[in-house]
Amino acid sequence: MELPKIPFFRKYSLVFKAIVIGGLIGLFYTILSDAGKEYESLKILPGTLIGISIGFIVIIFEKSLSWLNNYSFIGSIILKALIYSVFIVLFLLLFVVFFSEILSHVSYEKALTKYIHERLVKDFVFSIGASILMILFLEVSSLLNSRFFYNYFTGKYHRPTQEERIFMFVDVKSSTTMAEQLGDVLYSRLLQDLFNDFTDAILASRADVYQYAGDEIILTWKTDAGLKENRCLYCFYLLKESIKNKEEYYLQHYNLVPKFKAGMHIGKAVTTWVGKVKKEIVYHGDLLNTTSRIQCKCNELNHDFVVSEAIKNAVKTSSVTFKHQGEIVLRGKAHPMKLYTVDFL
């Protein structure tokens, strides 16, 4: 069974974004402050490279200093900015030595002395500002994906648009029992871990996260993207594998391994922007209601993954088996629908 993999660019998208933003920050700072004038025709090169290095530093420390997120948002930003700035200034000192030796042929002792007296304080203040800007950028990127900005600025979906989509509703099993067993706070942490561990599977299958609704996550694909390489179908398998690989962690921290179920359907939905206080892309139509009701049939059919006949007919693969569950009348539907349970070989 050949499973979809995370695209290289998407896997390291934040790194690429940080490099671009950092490079632009360094470039603009060089132009505005004329910081690299002593390097003549190459004066923009040091600033740009320094800006790129700032991006790398922020990305590296964002991962290693994630514990700072336990503080308030403002406190976390201030602490991170100060730590990043110290390391950025150390990088700047290294770059001063390098460029002074290579480009301007000045001894590093003289270059360092000149830099400390003329630029150290200014660059430290700039580093704090650049760090704060980068941290805010990363925070916004985690809240709003690139498609959000693209769709907004291009005007896509500003008017309701009907398009064919695939939806998968993924719901945690026995959520009420687990919440009572763990307590609200610990159960909330479990959901955080669970949805975080879903990340690689979501990226690999090219799914978009439509909503987190309590203990449920709603994933969606445009039809072409979801059916290519059977990504929408294999997404469920990848989700299961992601939790299987973390079983020891869940047993250690929660004394249980979370399980989940999913329903999937394909059809037409209306996509549009709504809201003024808070703008959001939403999907309307019977497709979502039907998918939700298919997912609710998992318990009755005693299976974790149930799909509609439309999904079975749309995907082309020999790596799964579909078991027909007969004609089932879904609540609110006038005509019965054929549902199938899915097992991966």
Protein backbone atom coordinates (compact mmCIF):
# COMPACT_ATOMS: atom_id res chain seq x y z
CA MET A 1 0.00 0.00 0.00
CA GLU A 2 1.61 3.22 -1.17
CA LEU A 3 0.67 5.98 1.25
CA PRO A 4 0.77 9.70 0.46
CA LYS A 5 3.70 11.60 1.93
CA ILE A 6 4.09 15.15 3.17
CA PRO A 7 5.34 17.42 0.33
CA PHE A 8 8.80 18.78 1.07
CA PHE A 9 7.72 22.41 0.81
CA ARG A 10 4.67 21.90 3.01
CA LYS A 11 6.66 20.02 5.64
CA TYR A 12 9.15 22.88 5.93
CA SER A 13 6.85 25.71 4.89
CA LEU A 14 7.44 27.71 8.10
CA VAL A 15 11.20 27.49 7.53
CA PHE A 16 10.84 28.83 3.99
CA LYS A 17 8.48 31.58 5.15
CA ALA A 18 10.87 32.56 7.96
CA ILE A 19 13.78 32.72 5.50
CA VAL A 20 11.81 34.97 3.12
CA ILE A 21 10.48 37.26 5.87
CA GLY A 22 13.86 37.40 7.61
CA GLY A 23 15.63 38.18 4.33
CA LEU A 24 13.19 41.01 3.58
CA ILE A 25 13.59 42.43 7.09
CA GLY A 26 17.39 42.39 6.70
CA LEU A 27 17.18 43.94 3.23
CA PHE A 28 14.90 46.78 4.32
CA TYR A 29 17.02 47.45 7.40
CA THR A 30 20.15 47.67 5.24
CA ILE A 31 18.48 50.09 2.83
CA LEU A 32 16.94 52.27 5.54
CA SER A 33 19.99 52.43 7.80
CA ASP A 34 22.65 52.19 5.10
CA ALA A 35 24.26 49.58 7.34
CA GLY A 36 26.41 47.92 4.67
CA LYS A 37 27.83 51.00 2.98
CA GLU A 38 31.42 49.96 3.64
CA TYR A 39 30.92 46.91 1.40
CA GLU A 40 30.19 49.10 -1.66
CA SER A 41 28.35 47.17 -4.40
CA LEU A 42 27.71 44.21 -2.07
CA LYS A 43 26.24 46.30 0.75
CA ILE A 44 22.81 44.63 0.60
CA LEU A 45 24.31 41.14 0.84
CA PRO A 46 25.31 41.20 4.54
CA GLY A 47 21.96 42.59 5.68
CA THR A 48 20.00 40.06 3.64
CA LEU A 49 22.06 37.13 4.92
CA ILE A 50 21.76 38.41 8.47
CA GLY A 51 17.97 38.65 8.04
CA ILE A 52 17.85 35.07 6.77
CA SER A 53 19.90 33.99 9.80
CA ILE A 54 17.39 35.76 12.06
CA GLY A 55 14.65 33.68 10.44
CA PHE A 56 16.61 30.47 11.11
CA ILE A 57 17.29 31.43 14.73
CA VAL A 58 13.65 32.19 15.42
CA ILE A 59 12.45 28.91 13.85
CA ILE A 60 15.01 26.82 15.75
CA PHE A 61 14.26 28.45 19.09
CA GLU A 62 10.48 28.41 18.55
CA LYS A 63 10.68 24.61 18.67
CA SER A 64 13.20 24.29 21.51
CA LEU A 65 11.64 27.00 23.69
CA SER A 66 8.04 25.87 23.31
CA TRP A 67 7.77 25.70 27.13
CA LEU A 68 7.70 29.51 27.15
CA ASN A 69 4.20 29.26 25.67
CA ASN A 70 3.02 28.37 29.18
CA TYR A 71 3.38 32.06 30.07
CA SER A 72 0.93 34.73 29.01
CA PHE A 73 1.04 35.73 25.34
CA ILE A 74 2.73 39.09 26.09
CA GLY A 75 5.14 37.56 28.59
CA SER A 76 6.04 34.78 26.16
CA ILE A 77 6.74 37.25 23.34
CA ILE A 78 8.95 39.45 25.55
CA LEU A 79 10.98 36.53 26.92
CA LYS A 80 11.40 34.99 23.46
CA ALA A 81 12.36 38.31 21.88
CA LEU A 82 15.06 38.95 24.50
CA ILE A 83 16.52 35.45 24.14
CA TYR A 84 16.41 35.58 20.34
CA SER A 85 17.98 39.04 20.31
CA VAL A 86 21.00 37.91 22.31
CA PHE A 87 21.69 35.10 19.87
CA ILE A 88 20.99 37.34 16.88
CA VAL A 89 23.58 39.84 18.12
CA LEU A 90 26.10 37.02 18.54
CA PHE A 91 25.38 36.05 14.93
CA LEU A 92 25.85 39.66 13.90
CA LEU A 93 29.27 39.72 15.55
CA LEU A 94 30.26 36.62 13.59
CA PHE A 95 29.02 38.19 10.35
CA VAL A 96 30.93 41.39 11.07
CA VAL A 97 34.15 39.39 11.41
CA PHE A 98 33.40 37.37 8.27
CA PHE A 99 32.43 40.26 6.00
CA SER A 100 35.15 42.53 7.31
CA GLU A 101 37.80 39.94 6.49
CA ILE A 102 36.36 38.87 3.12
CA LEU A 103 34.81 42.00 1.65
CA SER A 104 36.52 45.02 3.18
CA HIS A 105 39.86 43.45 4.22
CA VAL A 106 39.76 44.98 7.69
CA SER A 107 41.18 43.11 10.69
CA TYR A 108 38.52 41.54 12.89
CA GLU A 109 39.80 43.40 16.00
CA LYS A 110 39.27 46.76 14.34
CA ALA A 111 35.94 45.68 12.82
CA LEU A 112 34.59 44.42 16.16
CA THR A 113 35.68 47.56 18.02
CA LYS A 114 34.04 49.78 15.40
CA TYR A 115 30.86 47.68 15.39
CA ILE A 116 30.50 47.64 19.18
CA HIS A 117 30.89 51.44 19.41
CA GLU A 118 28.77 52.36 16.37
CA ARG A 119 26.11 49.70 15.80
CA LEU A 120 25.74 47.23 18.68
CA VAL A 121 22.96 49.04 20.56
CA LYS A 122 21.05 49.92 17.37
CA ASP A 123 21.24 46.36 16.08
CA PHE A 124 20.16 44.93 19.43
CA VAL A 125 17.07 47.14 19.40
CA PHE A 126 16.44 46.14 15.78
CA SER A 127 16.85 42.47 16.71
CA ILE A 128 14.18 42.78 19.41
CA GLY A 129 11.79 44.40 16.91
CA ALA A 130 12.57 41.81 14.22
CA SER A 131 12.12 38.95 16.71
CA ILE A 132 8.73 40.25 17.83
CA LEU A 133 7.67 40.63 14.19
CA MET A 134 8.77 37.09 13.37
CA ILE A 135 7.06 35.62 16.46
CA LEU A 136 3.80 37.38 15.57
CA PHE A 137 4.12 36.16 11.98
CA LEU A 138 4.52 32.56 13.15
CA GLU A 139 1.55 32.89 15.50
CA VAL A 140 -0.67 34.26 12.72
CA SER A 141 0.56 31.53 10.34
CA SER A 142 -0.52 28.87 12.83
CA LEU A 143 -3.97 30.44 13.15
CA LEU A 144 -4.57 31.14 9.47
CA ASN A 145 -3.14 28.98 6.70
CA SER A 146 -1.83 30.33 3.41
CA ARG A 147 -5.04 29.38 1.57
CA PHE A 148 -6.96 31.73 3.88
CA PHE A 149 -4.89 34.71 2.74
CA TYR A 150 -4.92 33.62 -0.90
CA ASN A 151 -8.69 33.17 -0.98
CA TYR A 152 -9.27 36.44 0.86
CA PHE A 153 -7.01 38.67 -1.21
CA THR A 154 -8.03 37.14 -4.55
CA GLY A 155 -11.70 37.59 -3.70
CA LYS A 156 -12.42 33.87 -4.03
CA TYR A 157 -15.62 32.81 -2.26
CA HIS A 158 -16.67 36.41 -1.59
CA ARG A 159 -19.77 35.27 -3.42
CA PRO A 160 -21.24 31.82 -2.65
CA THR A 161 -19.63 29.24 -4.94
CA GLN A 162 -20.86 25.70 -5.43
CA GLU A 163 -18.09 23.12 -5.81
CA GLU A 164 -17.61 19.41 -5.41
CA ARG A 165 -15.89 18.45 -2.18
CA ILE A 166 -15.08 15.52 0.07
CA PHE A 167 -15.75 15.76 3.80
CA MET A 168 -14.60 13.51 6.63
CA PHE A 169 -15.95 13.90 10.15
CA VAL A 170 -13.55 12.41 12.73
CA ASP A 171 -14.95 11.97 16.23
CA VAL A 172 -13.33 10.68 19.44
CA LYS A 173 -14.98 7.49 20.71
CA SER A 174 -16.34 7.25 24.27
CA SER A 175 -15.60 10.93 24.80
CA THR A 176 -18.06 11.33 27.70
CA THR A 177 -16.55 8.35 29.56
CA MET A 178 -13.01 9.64 29.04
CA ALA A 179 -13.95 13.15 30.16
CA GLU A 180 -15.43 11.75 33.38
CA GLN A 181 -12.41 9.53 33.94
CA LEU A 182 -9.78 12.20 33.29
CA GLY A 183 -11.56 15.37 34.31
CA ASP A 184 -12.19 18.34 32.05
CA VAL A 185 -8.68 19.85 32.13
CA LEU A 186 -6.76 16.61 31.53
CA TYR A 187 -9.24 15.55 28.85
CA SER A 188 -8.72 18.88 27.11
CA ARG A 189 -4.95 18.24 27.13
CA LEU A 190 -5.56 14.82 25.62
CA LEU A 191 -7.53 16.42 22.77
CA GLN A 192 -4.68 18.90 22.27
CA ASP A 193 -2.20 16.05 21.98
CA LEU A 194 -4.50 14.03 19.74
CA PHE A 195 -5.14 16.82 17.25
CA ASN A 196 -1.45 17.80 17.28
CA ASP A 197 -0.48 14.20 16.51
CA PHE A 198 -2.88 14.26 13.54
CA THR A 199 -0.77 16.97 11.88
CA ASP A 200 1.49 14.81 9.70
CA ALA A 201 -1.44 12.72 8.47
CA ILE A 202 -3.38 15.85 7.56
CA LEU A 203 -0.40 17.36 5.74
CA ALA A 204 0.39 14.13 3.88
CA SER A 205 -3.20 13.70 2.70
CA ARG A 206 -3.40 17.42 1.69
CA ALA A 207 -6.55 17.85 3.77
CA ASP A 208 -7.84 21.21 4.95
CA VAL A 209 -9.02 21.47 8.55
CA TYR A 210 -12.46 23.02 8.37
CA GLN A 211 -13.29 23.01 12.07
CA TYR A 212 -12.38 21.70 15.48
CA ALA A 213 -15.75 21.14 17.12
CA GLY A 214 -15.29 19.91 20.67
CA ASP A 215 -13.90 16.40 20.36
CA GLU A 216 -14.49 16.31 16.59
CA ILE A 217 -12.31 17.45 13.71
CA ILE A 218 -13.80 18.10 10.27
CA LEU A 219 -11.49 17.62 7.27
CA THR A 220 -12.23 18.54 3.67
CA TRP A 221 -10.67 18.24 0.23
CA LYS A 222 -11.46 19.57 -3.19
CA THR A 223 -12.47 16.46 -5.13
CA ASP A 224 -9.43 16.30 -7.44
CA ALA A 225 -6.96 16.77 -4.58
CA GLY A 226 -8.70 14.26 -2.31
CA LEU A 227 -9.07 11.51 -4.92
CA LYS A 228 -5.52 11.81 -6.23
CA GLU A 229 -3.51 8.89 -4.84
CA ASN A 230 -6.65 8.10 -2.80
CA ARG A 231 -5.47 10.66 -0.26
CA CYS A 232 -8.85 11.14 1.37
CA LEU A 233 -9.21 7.40 2.00
CA TYR A 234 -5.65 6.86 3.24
CA CYS A 235 -5.97 9.87 5.52
CA PHE A 236 -7.92 7.76 8.00
CA TYR A 237 -5.23 5.06 7.94
CA LEU A 238 -2.53 7.68 8.55
CA LEU A 239 -4.52 9.13 11.43
CA LYS A 240 -4.73 5.68 13.04
CA GLU A 241 -1.01 5.09 12.53
CA SER A 242 -0.13 8.45 14.10
CA ILE A 243 -1.86 7.42 17.33
CA LYS A 244 -0.59 3.85 17.19
CA ASN A 245 2.97 5.23 17.14
CA LYS A 246 2.22 7.27 20.29
CA GLU A 247 0.50 4.56 22.32
CA GLU A 248 3.19 4.53 25.02
CA TYR A 249 2.93 8.30 25.42
CA TYR A 250 -0.84 8.21 25.89
CA LEU A 251 -0.66 5.29 28.33
CA GLN A 252 2.01 7.08 30.34
CA HIS A 253 0.22 10.42 30.53
CA TYR A 254 -3.47 9.44 30.43
CA ASN A 255 -3.52 5.70 31.18
CA LEU A 256 -5.49 5.11 27.98
CA VAL A 257 -5.13 5.26 24.19
CA PRO A 258 -7.77 7.42 22.47
CA LYS A 259 -9.80 5.85 19.67
CA PHE A 260 -11.84 7.57 17.03
CA LYS A 261 -14.32 6.94 14.24
CA ALA A 262 -14.96 8.69 10.94
CA GLY A 263 -17.58 9.10 8.24
CA MET A 264 -16.85 10.26 4.69
CA HIS A 265 -18.99 11.48 1.81
CA ILE A 266 -18.53 13.30 -1.49
CA GLY A 267 -20.86 15.77 -3.17
CA LYS A 268 -21.59 19.41 -3.83
CA ALA A 269 -21.27 22.11 -1.18
CA VAL A 270 -21.55 25.88 -1.26
CA THR A 271 -18.41 27.69 -0.13
CA THR A 272 -18.49 31.32 0.97
CA TRP A 273 -17.12 33.94 3.35
CA VAL A 274 -19.30 34.95 6.30
CA GLY A 275 -19.02 37.40 9.17
CA LYS A 276 -17.78 40.92 9.77
CA VAL A 277 -16.54 40.76 13.36
CA LYS A 278 -14.75 37.49 12.52
CA LYS A 279 -14.36 36.47 8.89
CA GLU A 280 -14.41 32.78 8.10
CA ILE A 281 -14.86 30.47 5.12
CA VAL A 282 -17.85 28.20 5.71
CA TYR A 283 -19.50 25.37 3.80
CA HIS A 284 -23.24 25.04 3.41
CA GLY A 285 -25.37 22.24 2.04
CA ASP A 286 -26.72 18.78 2.60
CA LEU A 287 -23.25 17.27 2.07
CA LEU A 288 -22.13 18.20 5.58
CA ASN A 289 -25.33 16.99 7.26
CA THR A 290 -25.14 13.66 5.43
CA THR A 291 -21.45 13.16 6.29
CA SER A 292 -22.19 13.82 9.95
CA ARG A 293 -24.99 11.26 9.94
CA ILE A 294 -22.79 8.70 8.19
CA GLN A 295 -20.22 9.14 10.96
CA CYS A 296 -22.95 8.57 13.56
CA LYS A 297 -23.57 5.13 12.01
CA CYS A 298 -20.10 3.91 13.07
CA ASN A 299 -21.32 2.76 16.49
CA GLU A 300 -24.37 1.01 15.06
CA LEU A 301 -22.25 -0.80 12.44
CA ASN A 302 -19.49 -1.52 15.00
CA HIS A 303 -16.79 -0.11 12.73
CA ASP A 304 -14.41 2.85 12.89
CA PHE A 305 -14.65 4.00 9.27
CA VAL A 306 -17.86 4.25 7.23
CA VAL A 307 -18.19 5.83 3.78
CA SER A 308 -20.95 6.44 1.29
CA GLU A 309 -21.44 4.56 -1.96
CA ALA A 310 -20.39 7.74 -3.78
CA ILE A 311 -16.95 7.56 -2.11
CA LYS A 312 -16.60 3.84 -2.91
CA ASN A 313 -17.31 4.51 -6.57
CA ALA A 314 -15.00 7.53 -6.73
CA VAL A 315 -11.80 5.96 -5.39
CA LYS A 316 -9.76 3.42 -7.33
CA THR A 317 -7.66 1.18 -5.14
CA SER A 318 -7.06 -2.48 -4.42
CA SER A 319 -5.51 -1.78 -1.01
CA VAL A 320 -8.82 -1.60 0.87
CA THR A 321 -11.91 -3.72 1.13
CA PHE A 322 -15.40 -2.24 1.17
CA LYS A 323 -18.13 -4.19 2.92
CA HIS A 324 -21.68 -3.33 1.94
CA GLN A 325 -23.94 -2.67 4.92
CA GLY A 326 -27.22 -2.75 3.02
CA GLU A 327 -29.78 -0.03 2.39
CA ILE A 328 -29.73 2.36 5.32
CA VAL A 329 -32.18 5.21 5.86
CA LEU A 330 -30.38 8.19 7.30
CA ARG A 331 -32.34 10.54 9.51
CA GLY A 332 -33.72 13.39 7.45
CA LYS A 333 -33.08 11.70 4.08
CA ALA A 334 -35.98 10.82 1.79
CA HIS A 335 -34.21 7.94 0.05
CA PRO A 336 -32.08 5.17 1.53
CA MET A 337 -28.30 5.34 1.05
CA LYS A 338 -25.82 2.53 0.65
CA LEU A 339 -23.05 2.65 3.23
CA TYR A 340 -19.81 0.72 3.31
CA THR A 341 -17.32 -0.07 6.03
CA VAL A 342 -13.66 0.23 5.03
CA ASP A 343 -10.79 -2.06 5.99
CA PHE A 344 -7.19 -1.52 4.94
CA LEU A 345 -5.19 -4.50 3.72
